[in-house]
Amino acid sequence: MKNILKEKLKQGQPVIGTFVGLGHPDVTEVLSRIGFDWLLIDGEHSPISLETMQTMMQAMNGSNCTPIVRTQWNDKVIIKRVLDAGAHGVLVPWVNTREEAESAVSACRYPPVGLRGYGPRRAGLFDPDYFETANDEVLVIVQIETREAVDNVADILAVEGIDAVYVGPHDLSLSFGLSGPDYNNAEYVAAFDKVVAAAEKAGKPSGMFATRGNIAWAVDRGFTLSTLDSADAFLTHGALTALDVARGGK
C-alpha cells in the first residue's frame, strides 16, 4: 500500500479535500479528477452504507486523489470494515482524550501493535504487500470538536500513530455555548490557534472543515489538511449560479 496523501503530509505539503455525503460513485469519480488531494466520505452524518462507500472508493481508482472515510464512531469494528473496503485512512470523530486517541490508532493497526483483525478484502485484492505496509501507510486523523479535546490536544497529538488532527467547527462552537461558528469570538478562535500551535509543536498537520468563505482564514492560521465545502454545497452553488444566469442575473 502506498498512501499518496500521507506522503504529501510528511513532505510538509498543504493539501485540500472536500466532504462527500452524496452516496453515488459518480460523485467521487468526478471530484477525484479535478484536483482535490483527498475526498472525505462521510460515514458519520450521511446515510451512506458501507457497500456504497466501497463503490465510491472504487470509482476513484486511477486518480491521484486519496479516499478517507469519516467513521460513524471511534469503534474498532466500524474502522476495520471501512479500511477493509479500501479506505486509505480514517477521520475518527469525537476524540477527546489520549486514551480515545490510542483506541483509534489500535483499531487501524494490525497486531502486535494494534487490534485490527485480518481480512483486507478489497484493500488487499490487488496489493500483495498490503498487510506488510498497512500499519505504516494507513492515515489516522482524529477530530477535535469539544473544549475537552482542545484542552487535551497536546496529549492527543503525542500518541504514536496519530498522524493529524482536524477541527470540527460546528460541534466545537456548541461546546463553547455558541449557536454556530463565530470567528469573531475571541475565545472560540483561540481554540483553533491552540490546535494549530500544538500540531506544529508535535510536527504533525492540522486541518478543519472550511468553506469558500473562510478557507483563506484557515490557510493563514496554519491549517494544512483542510476540506473545502462539500459535494452538496458545490451542487447547490452550481445550480443556483446557473439558475441566476438563466433568469437574467449577472
Protein backbone atom coordinates (compact mmCIF):
# COMPACT_ATOMS: atom_id res chain seq x y z
CA MET A 1 0.00 0.00 0.00
CA LYS A 2 1.18 3.50 -0.83
CA ASN A 3 -0.71 6.42 0.68
CA ILE A 4 -0.16 9.46 -1.55
CA LEU A 5 -1.85 11.81 0.90
CA LYS A 6 0.28 10.66 3.82
CA GLU A 7 3.44 11.12 1.76
CA LYS A 8 2.43 14.68 0.86
CA LEU A 9 1.85 15.46 4.52
CA LYS A 10 5.21 14.00 5.52
CA GLN A 11 6.82 16.32 2.99
CA GLY A 12 5.04 19.30 4.54
CA GLN A 13 2.77 19.93 1.57
CA PRO A 14 -0.58 21.62 2.23
CA VAL A 15 -3.48 19.55 0.90
CA ILE A 16 -7.11 20.31 0.16
CA GLY A 17 -10.01 17.88 0.25
CA THR A 18 -13.78 18.06 0.31
CA PHE A 19 -16.58 16.30 2.14
CA VAL A 20 -18.73 13.83 0.24
CA GLY A 21 -22.09 12.94 1.73
CA LEU A 22 -23.87 12.17 -1.54
CA GLY A 23 -23.91 8.41 -1.89
CA HIS A 24 -23.09 7.67 -5.50
CA PRO A 25 -19.81 6.65 -7.21
CA ASP A 26 -20.31 9.24 -9.96
CA VAL A 27 -19.74 11.94 -7.33
CA THR A 28 -16.37 10.63 -6.20
CA GLU A 29 -15.39 9.75 -9.77
CA VAL A 30 -15.80 13.37 -10.86
CA LEU A 31 -14.41 15.08 -7.74
CA SER A 32 -11.35 12.83 -7.56
CA ARG A 33 -10.24 14.02 -11.00
CA ILE A 34 -10.44 17.79 -10.74
CA GLY A 35 -7.53 18.46 -8.40
CA PHE A 36 -8.53 17.61 -4.84
CA ASP A 37 -5.81 15.82 -2.87
CA TRP A 38 -8.33 13.80 -0.90
CA LEU A 39 -12.02 13.10 -0.57
CA LEU A 40 -13.58 12.67 2.85
CA ILE A 41 -16.51 10.27 2.57
CA ASP A 42 -18.84 10.97 5.46
CA GLY A 43 -19.97 7.92 7.39
CA GLU A 44 -20.97 9.87 10.49
CA HIS A 45 -23.78 12.18 9.39
CA SER A 46 -24.70 10.88 5.93
CA PRO A 47 -26.87 7.80 5.17
CA ILE A 48 -24.15 6.21 3.03
CA SER A 49 -23.84 2.46 3.61
CA LEU A 50 -20.58 0.54 3.60
CA GLU A 51 -21.45 -1.11 0.27
CA THR A 52 -21.96 2.30 -1.31
CA MET A 53 -18.76 3.63 0.24
CA GLN A 54 -16.86 0.78 -1.39
CA THR A 55 -18.21 1.59 -4.86
CA MET A 56 -17.46 5.27 -4.27
CA MET A 57 -13.85 4.43 -3.48
CA GLN A 58 -13.64 2.07 -6.46
CA ALA A 59 -14.71 4.97 -8.68
CA MET A 60 -11.61 6.86 -7.53
CA ASN A 61 -9.28 4.21 -8.96
CA GLY A 62 -6.81 5.67 -11.43
CA SER A 63 -6.82 9.10 -9.83
CA ASN A 64 -4.23 10.67 -7.54
CA CYS A 65 -6.90 11.53 -5.00
CA THR A 66 -6.88 9.66 -1.69
CA PRO A 67 -10.08 8.17 -0.17
CA ILE A 68 -10.52 8.85 3.54
CA VAL A 69 -13.65 7.93 5.49
CA ARG A 70 -15.06 9.73 8.50
CA THR A 71 -16.34 6.81 10.52
CA GLN A 72 -19.56 6.68 12.46
CA TRP A 73 -17.68 6.43 15.74
CA ASN A 74 -14.41 5.50 17.39
CA ASP A 75 -15.23 1.82 17.12
CA LYS A 76 -12.75 -0.87 16.10
CA VAL A 77 -15.35 -2.90 14.18
CA ILE A 78 -16.53 0.08 12.14
CA ILE A 79 -12.95 1.23 11.47
CA LYS A 80 -11.84 -2.28 10.48
CA ARG A 81 -14.63 -2.66 7.93
CA VAL A 82 -14.01 0.75 6.37
CA LEU A 83 -10.31 0.02 5.93
CA ASP A 84 -11.01 -3.47 4.56
CA ALA A 85 -13.30 -1.85 1.97
CA GLY A 86 -10.40 0.21 0.68
CA ALA A 87 -10.15 3.47 2.64
CA HIS A 88 -6.58 4.73 2.89
CA GLY A 89 -7.31 6.23 6.27
CA VAL A 90 -9.97 7.40 8.68
CA LEU A 91 -11.12 10.57 10.34
CA VAL A 92 -12.36 9.46 13.76
CA PRO A 93 -14.96 11.77 15.33
CA TRP A 94 -15.29 12.92 18.92
CA VAL A 95 -11.82 12.08 20.17
CA ASN A 96 -11.38 13.95 23.45
CA THR A 97 -8.60 12.21 25.35
CA ARG A 98 -5.28 10.47 24.93
CA GLU A 99 -6.95 7.14 25.70
CA GLU A 100 -9.53 7.64 22.95
CA ALA A 101 -6.74 8.56 20.52
CA GLU A 102 -4.88 5.38 21.46
CA SER A 103 -8.04 3.38 20.80
CA ALA A 104 -8.37 4.91 17.31
CA VAL A 105 -4.78 4.03 16.43
CA SER A 106 -5.14 0.50 17.78
CA ALA A 107 -8.20 -0.07 15.58
CA CYS A 108 -6.15 0.87 12.49
CA ARG A 109 -3.09 -1.28 13.22
CA TYR A 110 -2.54 -5.00 12.85
CA PRO A 111 -1.04 -6.94 15.77
CA PRO A 112 1.25 -6.83 17.57
CA VAL A 113 0.91 -3.02 17.66
CA GLY A 114 -2.89 -2.90 17.33
CA LEU A 115 -6.13 -4.83 17.34
CA ARG A 116 -7.22 -4.74 13.69
CA GLY A 117 -8.40 -8.16 12.61
CA TYR A 118 -7.03 -9.66 9.40
CA GLY A 119 -9.31 -9.68 6.35
CA PRO A 120 -8.39 -6.83 3.99
CA ARG A 121 -10.85 -7.91 1.29
CA ARG A 122 -10.83 -5.17 -1.31
CA ALA A 123 -7.92 -3.31 0.26
CA GLY A 124 -5.59 -6.22 -0.44
CA LEU A 125 -7.20 -7.51 -3.62
CA PHE A 126 -4.62 -6.02 -5.99
CA ASP A 127 -1.90 -5.34 -3.44
CA PRO A 128 0.14 -8.36 -2.31
CA ASP A 129 2.10 -6.12 0.07
CA TYR A 130 -0.94 -4.65 1.79
CA PHE A 131 -0.57 -6.48 5.09
CA GLU A 132 3.14 -5.67 5.36
CA THR A 133 2.66 -1.96 4.62
CA ALA A 134 -0.77 -1.06 6.05
CA ASN A 135 0.42 -0.26 9.58
CA ASP A 136 2.74 2.40 8.19
CA GLU A 137 0.54 3.71 5.39
CA VAL A 138 -2.99 3.96 6.84
CA LEU A 139 -3.63 7.58 7.82
CA VAL A 140 -5.15 8.20 11.24
CA ILE A 141 -6.78 11.60 11.75
CA VAL A 142 -8.80 12.45 14.84
CA GLN A 143 -11.45 15.10 15.07
CA ILE A 144 -11.18 17.85 17.68
CA GLU A 145 -14.67 19.15 18.35
CA THR A 146 -15.06 19.87 22.07
CA ARG A 147 -13.47 22.05 24.74
CA GLU A 148 -12.14 18.89 26.34
CA ALA A 149 -10.41 17.84 23.12
CA VAL A 150 -8.84 21.29 22.74
CA ASP A 151 -7.60 21.15 26.33
CA ASN A 152 -6.10 17.70 25.67
CA VAL A 153 -4.86 18.29 22.12
CA ALA A 154 -1.16 18.10 23.03
CA ASP A 155 -1.67 14.73 24.74
CA ILE A 156 -3.72 13.50 21.78
CA LEU A 157 -1.02 14.51 19.31
CA ALA A 158 1.62 12.81 21.46
CA VAL A 159 0.04 9.41 20.79
CA GLU A 160 2.23 7.37 18.45
CA GLY A 161 0.25 6.67 15.31
CA ILE A 162 -1.88 9.81 15.34
CA ASP A 163 -0.97 11.42 12.03
CA ALA A 164 -3.06 14.59 12.19
CA VAL A 165 -5.88 16.43 13.93
CA TYR A 166 -8.91 18.07 12.32
CA VAL A 167 -11.21 20.63 13.87
CA GLY A 168 -14.98 20.31 13.54
CA PRO A 169 -16.08 23.96 13.87
CA HIS A 170 -19.79 23.35 14.36
CA ASP A 171 -19.67 20.91 17.27
CA LEU A 172 -16.82 22.93 18.74
CA SER A 173 -18.99 26.05 18.68
CA LEU A 174 -21.76 24.20 20.52
CA SER A 175 -19.20 23.14 23.13
CA PHE A 176 -18.43 26.84 23.64
CA GLY A 177 -22.09 27.67 24.11
CA LEU A 178 -22.46 29.24 20.67
CA SER A 179 -25.24 28.51 18.19
CA GLY A 180 -22.74 28.08 15.36
CA PRO A 181 -19.20 29.00 14.33
CA ASP A 182 -18.41 32.60 15.30
CA TYR A 183 -14.99 33.62 14.00
CA ASN A 184 -15.31 36.98 15.76
CA ASN A 185 -15.48 35.28 19.16
CA ALA A 186 -12.00 35.56 20.68
CA GLU A 187 -12.30 32.55 22.98
CA TYR A 188 -13.59 30.35 20.18
CA VAL A 189 -10.87 31.45 17.74
CA ALA A 190 -8.22 30.90 20.43
CA ALA A 191 -9.18 27.21 20.40
CA PHE A 192 -8.25 26.96 16.72
CA ASP A 193 -4.93 28.66 17.39
CA LYS A 194 -4.22 26.26 20.23
CA VAL A 195 -4.80 23.27 17.96
CA VAL A 196 -2.52 24.66 15.24
CA ALA A 197 0.21 25.51 17.74
CA ALA A 198 0.07 22.05 19.34
CA ALA A 199 0.18 20.36 15.93
CA GLU A 200 3.14 22.43 14.80
CA LYS A 201 4.99 21.64 18.04
CA ALA A 202 4.29 17.92 17.51
CA GLY A 203 5.42 18.13 13.89
CA LYS A 204 2.03 16.97 12.63
CA PRO A 205 -0.52 18.62 10.34
CA SER A 206 -3.84 20.05 11.40
CA GLY A 207 -6.94 20.77 9.38
CA MET A 208 -10.51 21.95 9.67
CA PHE A 209 -13.82 21.96 7.87
CA ALA A 210 -13.71 25.16 5.83
CA THR A 211 -15.90 26.85 3.24
CA ARG A 212 -15.25 29.22 0.38
CA GLY A 213 -15.96 31.95 2.91
CA ASN A 214 -13.19 31.04 5.34
CA ILE A 215 -10.70 28.77 3.58
CA ALA A 216 -8.24 31.69 3.28
CA TRP A 217 -8.65 32.28 7.03
CA ALA A 218 -7.87 28.61 7.69
CA VAL A 219 -4.76 28.64 5.49
CA ASP A 220 -3.49 31.89 7.03
CA ARG A 221 -3.97 30.41 10.50
CA GLY A 222 -1.73 27.46 9.66
CA PHE A 223 -4.14 24.64 8.82
CA THR A 224 -2.70 22.42 6.07
CA LEU A 225 -5.15 19.50 5.96
CA SER A 226 -8.48 21.23 5.45
CA THR A 227 -11.56 20.30 3.50
CA LEU A 228 -13.31 22.86 1.31
CA ASP A 229 -17.11 22.86 1.34
CA SER A 230 -18.87 19.63 0.33
CA ALA A 231 -20.37 17.89 -2.67
CA ASP A 232 -23.79 19.10 -1.52
CA ALA A 233 -22.58 22.70 -1.35
CA PHE A 234 -20.98 22.51 -4.80
CA LEU A 235 -24.17 21.10 -6.30
CA THR A 236 -26.30 23.80 -4.70
CA HIS A 237 -23.91 26.64 -5.58
CA GLY A 238 -23.54 25.50 -9.19
CA ALA A 239 -27.28 25.10 -9.66
CA LEU A 240 -28.09 28.47 -8.09
CA THR A 241 -25.42 30.22 -10.18
CA ALA A 242 -26.71 28.69 -13.42
CA LEU A 243 -30.32 29.42 -12.50
CA ASP A 244 -29.47 33.03 -11.73
CA VAL A 245 -27.87 33.41 -15.17
CA ALA A 246 -30.85 31.74 -16.85
CA ARG A 247 -33.23 34.17 -15.19
CA GLY A 248 -31.25 37.21 -16.23
CA GLY A 249 -28.95 37.70 -13.27
CA LYS A 250 -25.30 38.63 -13.52
